[in-house]
Amino acid sequence: GSNPASVVTAADASRYGAAAYNNGDLAAAESQYAAAVATDSNDAAAHNNLGQVLVRTGRSKEAIPHFDKAIELSGDTWSYHFNRARAYAELKDWRQAIDGYTEAARLFPHDYATHFNLAKGRQATGDLPGATEGYAKAIELAPGPSALHLTYGQALELAGRQTEAAAAYERFLEMEPEGPE
């Protein structure tokens, strides 16, 4: 049978949520993704998307159960682990963030942003060898973003590796000669 026109499916709500999110209307996106989750509690993507909106609106703690549910439903999806790790990082729960980024890196080893964020978490916990290794991996995967070289240089400097830090700073300056840094 066909559904009455007033019935909105979880997929419809998610589509409306995505449109609102892309237009910068986070309140409408949250409302639509919440409707999608309410309509189908086993929609992993809807849980993930609702979680992302909650993080963007400064409610990372509320987002984590939605990422947990998305991972429970589809545990091999890189972005769900990455997004949950980002929520933990926003809360400065570095152990959980590092665990999440580590799993995301295992699932999608060629994503420079995962390695960069993993390195940031390691640096926040004082693991400078792990941080410099992560930044180096991010740069290996994506040598273009100049900010990676600056951050790498800062971590190397903190680790007492002045010569390597100077080389990283030099690469940054070559890429951003007019940069405020």
N, C-alpha and C. Protein backbone atom coordinates (compact mmCIF):
# COMPACT_ATOMS: atom_id res chain seq x y z
N GLY A 1 0.82 -1.19 0.00
CA GLY A 1 0.00 0.00 0.00
C GLY A 1 0.85 1.24 0.00
N SER A 2 0.23 2.35 -0.31
CA SER A 2 0.98 3.60 -0.30
C SER A 2 0.73 4.34 1.01
N ASN A 3 1.71 5.10 1.41
CA ASN A 3 1.59 5.88 2.64
C ASN A 3 0.82 7.15 2.35
N PRO A 4 0.06 7.61 3.33
CA PRO A 4 -0.58 8.93 3.16
C PRO A 4 0.50 9.99 2.97
N ALA A 5 0.17 11.04 2.27
CA ALA A 5 1.14 12.09 1.96
C ALA A 5 1.72 12.73 3.22
N SER A 6 1.00 12.69 4.33
CA SER A 6 1.47 13.34 5.55
C SER A 6 2.56 12.53 6.25
N VAL A 7 2.71 11.27 5.90
CA VAL A 7 3.73 10.44 6.53
C VAL A 7 5.09 10.73 5.89
N VAL A 8 6.04 11.07 6.72
CA VAL A 8 7.39 11.35 6.25
C VAL A 8 8.27 10.17 6.66
N THR A 9 8.98 9.61 5.72
CA THR A 9 9.88 8.50 6.04
C THR A 9 11.16 9.04 6.65
N ALA A 10 11.91 8.13 7.27
CA ALA A 10 13.21 8.51 7.83
C ALA A 10 14.12 9.03 6.72
N ALA A 11 14.04 8.42 5.55
CA ALA A 11 14.88 8.86 4.43
C ALA A 11 14.51 10.28 4.00
N ASP A 12 13.20 10.57 3.96
CA ASP A 12 12.76 11.93 3.63
C ASP A 12 13.31 12.93 4.65
N ALA A 13 13.14 12.60 5.93
CA ALA A 13 13.61 13.50 6.98
C ALA A 13 15.11 13.72 6.87
N SER A 14 15.84 12.66 6.57
CA SER A 14 17.29 12.81 6.41
C SER A 14 17.63 13.70 5.23
N ARG A 15 16.89 13.55 4.12
CA ARG A 15 17.11 14.41 2.95
C ARG A 15 16.85 15.87 3.31
N TYR A 16 15.73 16.13 4.00
CA TYR A 16 15.41 17.50 4.41
C TYR A 16 16.48 18.02 5.38
N GLY A 17 16.94 17.14 6.26
CA GLY A 17 17.98 17.52 7.21
C GLY A 17 19.27 17.90 6.50
N ALA A 18 19.64 17.12 5.49
CA ALA A 18 20.86 17.41 4.74
C ALA A 18 20.75 18.75 4.01
N ALA A 19 19.60 19.00 3.43
CA ALA A 19 19.39 20.27 2.73
C ALA A 19 19.51 21.44 3.71
N ALA A 20 18.89 21.30 4.88
CA ALA A 20 18.97 22.36 5.89
C ALA A 20 20.41 22.55 6.36
N TYR A 21 21.11 21.45 6.60
CA TYR A 21 22.50 21.51 7.06
C TYR A 21 23.36 22.23 6.02
N ASN A 22 23.19 21.84 4.77
CA ASN A 22 23.98 22.46 3.69
C ASN A 22 23.66 23.94 3.52
N ASN A 23 22.45 24.35 3.92
CA ASN A 23 22.07 25.77 3.86
C ASN A 23 22.43 26.51 5.13
N GLY A 24 23.06 25.82 6.08
CA GLY A 24 23.48 26.46 7.32
C GLY A 24 22.39 26.60 8.35
N ASP A 25 21.24 25.97 8.13
CA ASP A 25 20.13 26.03 9.08
C ASP A 25 20.24 24.83 10.02
N LEU A 26 21.10 24.98 11.04
CA LEU A 26 21.38 23.85 11.93
C LEU A 26 20.17 23.46 12.77
N ALA A 27 19.33 24.42 13.14
CA ALA A 27 18.14 24.10 13.93
C ALA A 27 17.20 23.21 13.13
N ALA A 28 16.97 23.54 11.86
CA ALA A 28 16.10 22.72 11.02
C ALA A 28 16.75 21.36 10.76
N ALA A 29 18.06 21.35 10.55
CA ALA A 29 18.76 20.08 10.32
C ALA A 29 18.61 19.18 11.54
N GLU A 30 18.81 19.75 12.72
CA GLU A 30 18.66 18.97 13.95
C GLU A 30 17.25 18.40 14.07
N SER A 31 16.25 19.22 13.79
CA SER A 31 14.86 18.79 13.87
C SER A 31 14.59 17.64 12.90
N GLN A 32 15.08 17.77 11.66
CA GLN A 32 14.84 16.73 10.66
C GLN A 32 15.59 15.44 11.00
N TYR A 33 16.84 15.55 11.42
CA TYR A 33 17.58 14.33 11.77
C TYR A 33 16.99 13.67 13.01
N ALA A 34 16.52 14.48 13.96
CA ALA A 34 15.86 13.90 15.14
C ALA A 34 14.59 13.16 14.71
N ALA A 35 13.86 13.72 13.74
CA ALA A 35 12.66 13.05 13.22
C ALA A 35 13.04 11.74 12.52
N ALA A 36 14.15 11.74 11.79
CA ALA A 36 14.60 10.52 11.12
C ALA A 36 14.94 9.44 12.13
N VAL A 37 15.63 9.83 13.20
CA VAL A 37 15.99 8.87 14.25
C VAL A 37 14.75 8.36 14.96
N ALA A 38 13.80 9.26 15.20
CA ALA A 38 12.55 8.85 15.86
C ALA A 38 11.74 7.90 14.98
N THR A 39 11.80 8.12 13.68
CA THR A 39 11.05 7.29 12.73
C THR A 39 11.71 5.92 12.55
N ASP A 40 13.04 5.90 12.52
CA ASP A 40 13.78 4.65 12.34
C ASP A 40 15.01 4.70 13.23
N SER A 41 14.90 4.10 14.41
CA SER A 41 16.01 4.15 15.38
C SER A 41 17.21 3.33 14.93
N ASN A 42 17.06 2.56 13.85
CA ASN A 42 18.18 1.77 13.33
C ASN A 42 18.80 2.39 12.08
N ASP A 43 18.60 3.69 11.88
CA ASP A 43 19.19 4.42 10.76
C ASP A 43 20.53 5.00 11.23
N ALA A 44 21.60 4.28 10.94
CA ALA A 44 22.93 4.68 11.41
C ALA A 44 23.32 6.06 10.89
N ALA A 45 23.04 6.31 9.62
CA ALA A 45 23.42 7.60 9.04
C ALA A 45 22.69 8.76 9.71
N ALA A 46 21.40 8.55 10.03
CA ALA A 46 20.64 9.61 10.71
C ALA A 46 21.22 9.89 12.10
N HIS A 47 21.60 8.83 12.82
CA HIS A 47 22.24 9.04 14.14
C HIS A 47 23.54 9.82 13.97
N ASN A 48 24.36 9.43 12.99
CA ASN A 48 25.61 10.12 12.76
C ASN A 48 25.38 11.59 12.40
N ASN A 49 24.42 11.83 11.51
CA ASN A 49 24.15 13.21 11.09
C ASN A 49 23.61 14.06 12.23
N LEU A 50 22.74 13.49 13.04
CA LEU A 50 22.24 14.23 14.21
C LEU A 50 23.41 14.54 15.15
N GLY A 51 24.28 13.56 15.33
CA GLY A 51 25.46 13.79 16.17
C GLY A 51 26.32 14.93 15.65
N GLN A 52 26.51 14.98 14.34
CA GLN A 52 27.33 16.05 13.76
C GLN A 52 26.70 17.43 14.02
N VAL A 53 25.39 17.53 13.89
CA VAL A 53 24.72 18.80 14.15
C VAL A 53 24.90 19.18 15.62
N LEU A 54 24.75 18.22 16.50
CA LEU A 54 24.91 18.50 17.93
C LEU A 54 26.33 18.99 18.24
N VAL A 55 27.34 18.38 17.62
CA VAL A 55 28.72 18.84 17.83
C VAL A 55 28.87 20.27 17.30
N ARG A 56 28.34 20.52 16.10
CA ARG A 56 28.44 21.86 15.51
C ARG A 56 27.76 22.92 16.36
N THR A 57 26.75 22.53 17.14
CA THR A 57 26.04 23.50 17.98
C THR A 57 26.54 23.46 19.43
N GLY A 58 27.73 22.89 19.63
CA GLY A 58 28.36 22.93 20.94
C GLY A 58 27.81 21.93 21.94
N ARG A 59 27.17 20.87 21.46
CA ARG A 59 26.56 19.89 22.37
C ARG A 59 27.16 18.50 22.13
N SER A 60 28.48 18.44 22.21
CA SER A 60 29.21 17.20 21.93
C SER A 60 28.80 16.06 22.85
N LYS A 61 28.55 16.38 24.11
CA LYS A 61 28.17 15.32 25.06
C LYS A 61 26.86 14.66 24.63
N GLU A 62 25.92 15.44 24.13
CA GLU A 62 24.64 14.90 23.63
C GLU A 62 24.84 14.10 22.35
N ALA A 63 25.89 14.44 21.60
CA ALA A 63 26.13 13.79 20.31
C ALA A 63 26.66 12.37 20.45
N ILE A 64 27.45 12.14 21.48
CA ILE A 64 28.17 10.87 21.60
C ILE A 64 27.24 9.65 21.58
N PRO A 65 26.10 9.64 22.29
CA PRO A 65 25.23 8.47 22.19
C PRO A 65 24.74 8.19 20.76
N HIS A 66 24.58 9.23 19.97
CA HIS A 66 24.16 9.04 18.57
C HIS A 66 25.29 8.42 17.75
N PHE A 67 26.52 8.87 17.99
CA PHE A 67 27.66 8.24 17.30
C PHE A 67 27.82 6.79 17.76
N ASP A 68 27.63 6.56 19.07
CA ASP A 68 27.70 5.19 19.59
C ASP A 68 26.70 4.29 18.88
N LYS A 69 25.48 4.79 18.70
CA LYS A 69 24.43 4.00 18.05
C LYS A 69 24.79 3.76 16.58
N ALA A 70 25.29 4.77 15.90
CA ALA A 70 25.69 4.61 14.50
C ALA A 70 26.77 3.54 14.39
N ILE A 71 27.73 3.56 15.31
CA ILE A 71 28.82 2.57 15.29
C ILE A 71 28.29 1.18 15.63
N GLU A 72 27.36 1.11 16.57
CA GLU A 72 26.75 -0.17 16.91
C GLU A 72 26.07 -0.78 15.68
N LEU A 73 25.44 0.07 14.89
CA LEU A 73 24.71 -0.40 13.70
C LEU A 73 25.62 -0.64 12.50
N SER A 74 26.70 0.11 12.40
CA SER A 74 27.59 0.01 11.23
C SER A 74 29.01 0.34 11.68
N GLY A 75 29.62 -0.59 12.39
CA GLY A 75 30.90 -0.35 13.04
C GLY A 75 32.10 -0.20 12.14
N ASP A 76 31.94 -0.54 10.86
CA ASP A 76 33.09 -0.43 9.98
C ASP A 76 33.05 0.84 9.13
N THR A 77 32.24 1.80 9.56
CA THR A 77 32.15 3.06 8.83
C THR A 77 33.12 4.07 9.45
N TRP A 78 34.14 4.41 8.68
CA TRP A 78 35.20 5.31 9.14
C TRP A 78 34.64 6.60 9.73
N SER A 79 33.73 7.25 9.01
CA SER A 79 33.28 8.58 9.43
C SER A 79 32.58 8.57 10.79
N TYR A 80 31.93 7.47 11.14
CA TYR A 80 31.25 7.41 12.43
C TYR A 80 32.29 7.44 13.56
N HIS A 81 33.38 6.71 13.39
CA HIS A 81 34.45 6.71 14.39
C HIS A 81 35.14 8.08 14.44
N PHE A 82 35.39 8.66 13.27
CA PHE A 82 36.03 9.98 13.19
C PHE A 82 35.17 11.02 13.90
N ASN A 83 33.87 11.01 13.61
CA ASN A 83 32.98 12.03 14.19
C ASN A 83 32.84 11.87 15.70
N ARG A 84 32.79 10.63 16.18
CA ARG A 84 32.72 10.42 17.63
C ARG A 84 34.02 10.90 18.27
N ALA A 85 35.15 10.59 17.64
CA ALA A 85 36.43 11.04 18.18
C ALA A 85 36.49 12.56 18.24
N ARG A 86 35.95 13.21 17.22
CA ARG A 86 35.91 14.68 17.20
C ARG A 86 35.07 15.22 18.37
N ALA A 87 33.96 14.55 18.65
CA ALA A 87 33.13 14.97 19.78
C ALA A 87 33.90 14.84 21.09
N TYR A 88 34.61 13.73 21.26
CA TYR A 88 35.42 13.56 22.47
C TYR A 88 36.53 14.60 22.54
N ALA A 89 37.13 14.94 21.40
CA ALA A 89 38.17 15.96 21.38
C ALA A 89 37.60 17.31 21.80
N GLU A 90 36.38 17.62 21.33
CA GLU A 90 35.74 18.88 21.73
C GLU A 90 35.54 18.92 23.25
N LEU A 91 35.34 17.77 23.86
CA LEU A 91 35.16 17.67 25.31
C LEU A 91 36.49 17.54 26.06
N LYS A 92 37.59 17.53 25.31
CA LYS A 92 38.94 17.37 25.85
C LYS A 92 39.11 16.01 26.54
N ASP A 93 38.33 15.01 26.11
CA ASP A 93 38.50 13.64 26.58
C ASP A 93 39.46 12.97 25.59
N TRP A 94 40.75 13.25 25.80
CA TRP A 94 41.76 12.88 24.82
C TRP A 94 41.92 11.38 24.67
N ARG A 95 41.76 10.62 25.77
CA ARG A 95 41.92 9.16 25.67
C ARG A 95 40.88 8.58 24.71
N GLN A 96 39.62 8.99 24.88
CA GLN A 96 38.55 8.51 24.00
C GLN A 96 38.75 9.02 22.57
N ALA A 97 39.18 10.27 22.45
CA ALA A 97 39.43 10.83 21.11
C ALA A 97 40.52 10.05 20.40
N ILE A 98 41.61 9.79 21.11
CA ILE A 98 42.72 9.04 20.52
C ILE A 98 42.26 7.64 20.10
N ASP A 99 41.49 6.97 20.96
CA ASP A 99 40.99 5.64 20.62
C ASP A 99 40.13 5.70 19.35
N GLY A 100 39.27 6.70 19.26
CA GLY A 100 38.40 6.83 18.10
C GLY A 100 39.17 7.13 16.82
N TYR A 101 40.12 8.07 16.90
CA TYR A 101 40.92 8.40 15.72
C TYR A 101 41.79 7.21 15.31
N THR A 102 42.27 6.44 16.29
CA THR A 102 43.07 5.26 15.98
C THR A 102 42.24 4.26 15.19
N GLU A 103 41.00 4.04 15.61
CA GLU A 103 40.12 3.12 14.89
C GLU A 103 39.77 3.68 13.51
N ALA A 104 39.53 4.98 13.43
CA ALA A 104 39.24 5.60 12.13
C ALA A 104 40.44 5.44 11.19
N ALA A 105 41.65 5.61 11.72
CA ALA A 105 42.85 5.46 10.89
C ALA A 105 43.01 4.01 10.42
N ARG A 106 42.60 3.06 11.27
CA ARG A 106 42.66 1.66 10.86
C ARG A 106 41.69 1.40 9.70
N LEU A 107 40.50 2.00 9.79
CA LEU A 107 39.48 1.78 8.78
C LEU A 107 39.78 2.52 7.47
N PHE A 108 40.42 3.67 7.56
CA PHE A 108 40.70 4.50 6.37
C PHE A 108 42.10 5.09 6.56
N PRO A 109 43.13 4.27 6.31
CA PRO A 109 44.50 4.69 6.63
C PRO A 109 45.04 5.83 5.78
N HIS A 110 44.36 6.18 4.71
CA HIS A 110 44.90 7.20 3.81
C HIS A 110 44.26 8.58 4.00
N ASP A 111 43.55 8.77 5.10
CA ASP A 111 42.93 10.07 5.36
C ASP A 111 43.86 10.92 6.22
N TYR A 112 44.38 11.98 5.63
CA TYR A 112 45.33 12.81 6.37
C TYR A 112 44.69 13.48 7.58
N ALA A 113 43.41 13.86 7.49
CA ALA A 113 42.76 14.55 8.61
C ALA A 113 42.66 13.66 9.83
N THR A 114 42.45 12.37 9.62
CA THR A 114 42.41 11.43 10.74
C THR A 114 43.76 11.40 11.44
N HIS A 115 44.83 11.29 10.67
CA HIS A 115 46.17 11.24 11.27
C HIS A 115 46.52 12.57 11.94
N PHE A 116 46.11 13.68 11.34
CA PHE A 116 46.35 14.99 11.93
C PHE A 116 45.65 15.12 13.27
N ASN A 117 44.37 14.73 13.32
CA ASN A 117 43.61 14.84 14.57
C ASN A 117 44.11 13.86 15.62
N LEU A 118 44.54 12.69 15.20
CA LEU A 118 45.14 11.72 16.12
C LEU A 118 46.41 12.33 16.72
N ALA A 119 47.20 12.97 15.89
CA ALA A 119 48.43 13.62 16.37
C ALA A 119 48.11 14.73 17.37
N LYS A 120 47.06 15.53 17.08
CA LYS A 120 46.66 16.60 18.01
C LYS A 120 46.29 16.00 19.36
N GLY A 121 45.55 14.91 19.35
CA GLY A 121 45.18 14.25 20.61
C GLY A 121 46.39 13.75 21.36
N ARG A 122 47.31 13.15 20.64
CA ARG A 122 48.53 12.66 21.28
C ARG A 122 49.34 13.81 21.86
N GLN A 123 49.41 14.92 21.13
CA GLN A 123 50.15 16.08 21.63
C GLN A 123 49.48 16.60 22.90
N ALA A 124 48.16 16.61 22.93
CA ALA A 124 47.44 17.11 24.11
C ALA A 124 47.69 16.26 25.35
N THR A 125 48.02 14.98 25.15
CA THR A 125 48.30 14.10 26.28
C THR A 125 49.79 14.04 26.60
N GLY A 126 50.59 14.81 25.87
CA GLY A 126 52.03 14.83 26.13
C GLY A 126 52.81 13.77 25.39
N ASP A 127 52.16 13.02 24.51
CA ASP A 127 52.85 12.00 23.72
C ASP A 127 53.46 12.68 22.49
N LEU A 128 54.59 13.35 22.69
CA LEU A 128 55.22 14.09 21.59
C LEU A 128 55.77 13.17 20.51
N PRO A 129 56.37 12.02 20.84
CA PRO A 129 56.79 11.12 19.76
C PRO A 129 55.59 10.66 18.91
N GLY A 130 54.49 10.31 19.55
CA GLY A 130 53.29 9.91 18.81
C GLY A 130 52.72 11.06 17.99
N ALA A 131 52.78 12.27 18.55
CA ALA A 131 52.26 13.44 17.85
C ALA A 131 53.09 13.73 16.60
N THR A 132 54.42 13.76 16.75
CA THR A 132 55.26 14.07 15.59
C THR A 132 55.12 13.00 14.52
N GLU A 133 54.98 11.74 14.94
CA GLU A 133 54.78 10.64 13.97
C GLU A 133 53.47 10.85 13.21
N GLY A 134 52.40 11.23 13.94
CA GLY A 134 51.10 11.45 13.31
C GLY A 134 51.11 12.63 12.35
N TYR A 135 51.75 13.72 12.76
CA TYR A 135 51.83 14.88 11.86
C TYR A 135 52.63 14.53 10.60
N ALA A 136 53.72 13.78 10.79
CA ALA A 136 54.52 13.38 9.63
C ALA A 136 53.69 12.52 8.68
N LYS A 137 52.87 11.62 9.23
CA LYS A 137 52.02 10.77 8.40
C LYS A 137 50.99 11.63 7.65
N ALA A 138 50.40 12.60 8.33
CA ALA A 138 49.42 13.49 7.69
C ALA A 138 50.07 14.23 6.53
N ILE A 139 51.29 14.72 6.74
CA ILE A 139 52.00 15.45 5.68
C ILE A 139 52.36 14.52 4.52
N GLU A 140 52.73 13.28 4.85
CA GLU A 140 53.03 12.30 3.80
C GLU A 140 51.80 12.09 2.92
N LEU A 141 50.63 12.04 3.54
CA LEU A 141 49.39 11.80 2.80
C LEU A 141 48.89 13.04 2.07
N ALA A 142 49.15 14.22 2.63
CA ALA A 142 48.66 15.48 2.04
C ALA A 142 49.69 16.57 2.28
N PRO A 143 50.72 16.63 1.45
CA PRO A 143 51.78 17.62 1.68
C PRO A 143 51.36 19.07 1.40
N GLY A 144 50.19 19.25 0.81
CA GLY A 144 49.79 20.58 0.39
C GLY A 144 49.38 21.55 1.48
N PRO A 145 48.55 21.17 2.45
CA PRO A 145 48.11 22.17 3.43
C PRO A 145 49.27 22.71 4.26
N SER A 146 49.55 23.99 4.12
CA SER A 146 50.70 24.60 4.80
C SER A 146 50.59 24.52 6.31
N ALA A 147 49.38 24.58 6.83
CA ALA A 147 49.19 24.55 8.29
C ALA A 147 49.73 23.25 8.89
N LEU A 148 49.71 22.17 8.13
CA LEU A 148 50.26 20.90 8.63
C LEU A 148 51.74 21.06 8.95
N HIS A 149 52.46 21.75 8.10
CA HIS A 149 53.90 21.93 8.30
C HIS A 149 54.18 22.79 9.53
N LEU A 150 53.36 23.81 9.73
CA LEU A 150 53.52 24.67 10.90
C LEU A 150 53.27 23.88 12.18
N THR A 151 52.18 23.14 12.23
CA THR A 151 51.85 22.35 13.42
C THR A 151 52.91 21.29 13.67
N TYR A 152 53.38 20.65 12.61
CA TYR A 152 54.43 19.65 12.73
C TYR A 152 55.69 20.28 13.32
N GLY A 153 56.04 21.45 12.82
CA GLY A 153 57.21 22.15 13.34
C GLY A 153 57.08 22.46 14.82
N GLN A 154 55.89 22.89 15.23
CA GLN A 154 55.66 23.21 16.64
C GLN A 154 55.82 21.96 17.50
N ALA A 155 55.29 20.82 17.05
CA ALA A 155 55.42 19.58 17.80
C ALA A 155 56.87 19.13 17.87
N LEU A 156 57.58 19.25 16.75
CA LEU A 156 59.01 18.89 16.74
C LEU A 156 59.79 19.77 17.71
N GLU A 157 59.47 21.06 17.72
CA GLU A 157 60.15 21.99 18.63
C GLU A 157 59.90 21.60 20.08
N LEU A 158 58.64 21.29 20.42
CA LEU A 158 58.30 20.85 21.78
C LEU A 158 59.05 19.56 22.14
N ALA A 159 59.26 18.71 21.15
CA ALA A 159 59.96 17.44 21.38
C ALA A 159 61.48 17.62 21.43
N GLY A 160 61.95 18.86 21.28
CA GLY A 160 63.37 19.13 21.35
C GLY A 160 64.12 18.79 20.07
N ARG A 161 63.39 18.65 18.99
CA ARG A 161 64.00 18.28 17.70
C ARG A 161 64.11 19.55 16.84
N GLN A 162 64.99 20.47 17.28
CA GLN A 162 65.09 21.81 16.72
C GLN A 162 65.42 21.82 15.24
N THR A 163 66.36 21.00 14.79
CA THR A 163 66.78 21.02 13.39
C THR A 163 65.62 20.62 12.49
N GLU A 164 64.90 19.55 12.89
CA GLU A 164 63.74 19.11 12.11
C GLU A 164 62.62 20.15 12.17
N ALA A 165 62.47 20.78 13.33
CA ALA A 165 61.44 21.83 13.49
C ALA A 165 61.74 22.98 12.54
N ALA A 166 63.01 23.38 12.47
CA ALA A 166 63.40 24.48 11.59
C ALA A 166 63.08 24.13 10.13
N ALA A 167 63.31 22.87 9.75
CA ALA A 167 63.03 22.44 8.37
C ALA A 167 61.52 22.50 8.10
N ALA A 168 60.72 22.07 9.07
CA ALA A 168 59.26 22.11 8.90
C ALA A 168 58.78 23.57 8.80
N TYR A 169 59.34 24.44 9.66
CA TYR A 169 58.98 25.86 9.59
C TYR A 169 59.38 26.45 8.24
N GLU A 170 60.54 26.04 7.74
CA GLU A 170 61.00 26.55 6.45
C GLU A 170 60.03 26.14 5.33
N ARG A 171 59.59 24.87 5.37
CA ARG A 171 58.61 24.42 4.36
C ARG A 171 57.33 25.25 4.47
N PHE A 172 56.90 25.51 5.71
CA PHE A 172 55.70 26.33 5.91
C PHE A 172 55.91 27.71 5.30
N LEU A 173 57.04 28.34 5.59
CA LEU A 173 57.30 29.70 5.10
C LEU A 173 57.40 29.75 3.58
N GLU A 174 57.93 28.67 2.98
CA GLU A 174 57.97 28.61 1.52
C GLU A 174 56.55 28.60 0.94
N MET A 175 55.66 27.94 1.64
CA MET A 175 54.29 27.82 1.17
C MET A 175 53.46 29.07 1.49
N GLU A 176 53.77 29.72 2.60
CA GLU A 176 53.01 30.89 3.10
C GLU A 176 53.94 32.05 3.39
N PRO A 177 54.66 32.58 2.41
CA PRO A 177 55.63 33.62 2.69
C PRO A 177 55.01 34.89 3.28
N GLU A 178 53.73 35.12 3.01
CA GLU A 178 53.07 36.31 3.53
C GLU A 178 52.18 36.01 4.73
N GLY A 179 52.24 34.76 5.22
CA GLY A 179 51.37 34.36 6.33
C GLY A 179 51.66 35.14 7.61
N PRO A 180 50.64 35.37 8.43
CA PRO A 180 50.82 36.15 9.66
C PRO A 180 51.74 35.43 10.67
N GLU A 181 51.86 34.11 10.56
CA GLU A 181 52.70 33.37 11.48
C GLU A 181 54.17 33.70 11.24
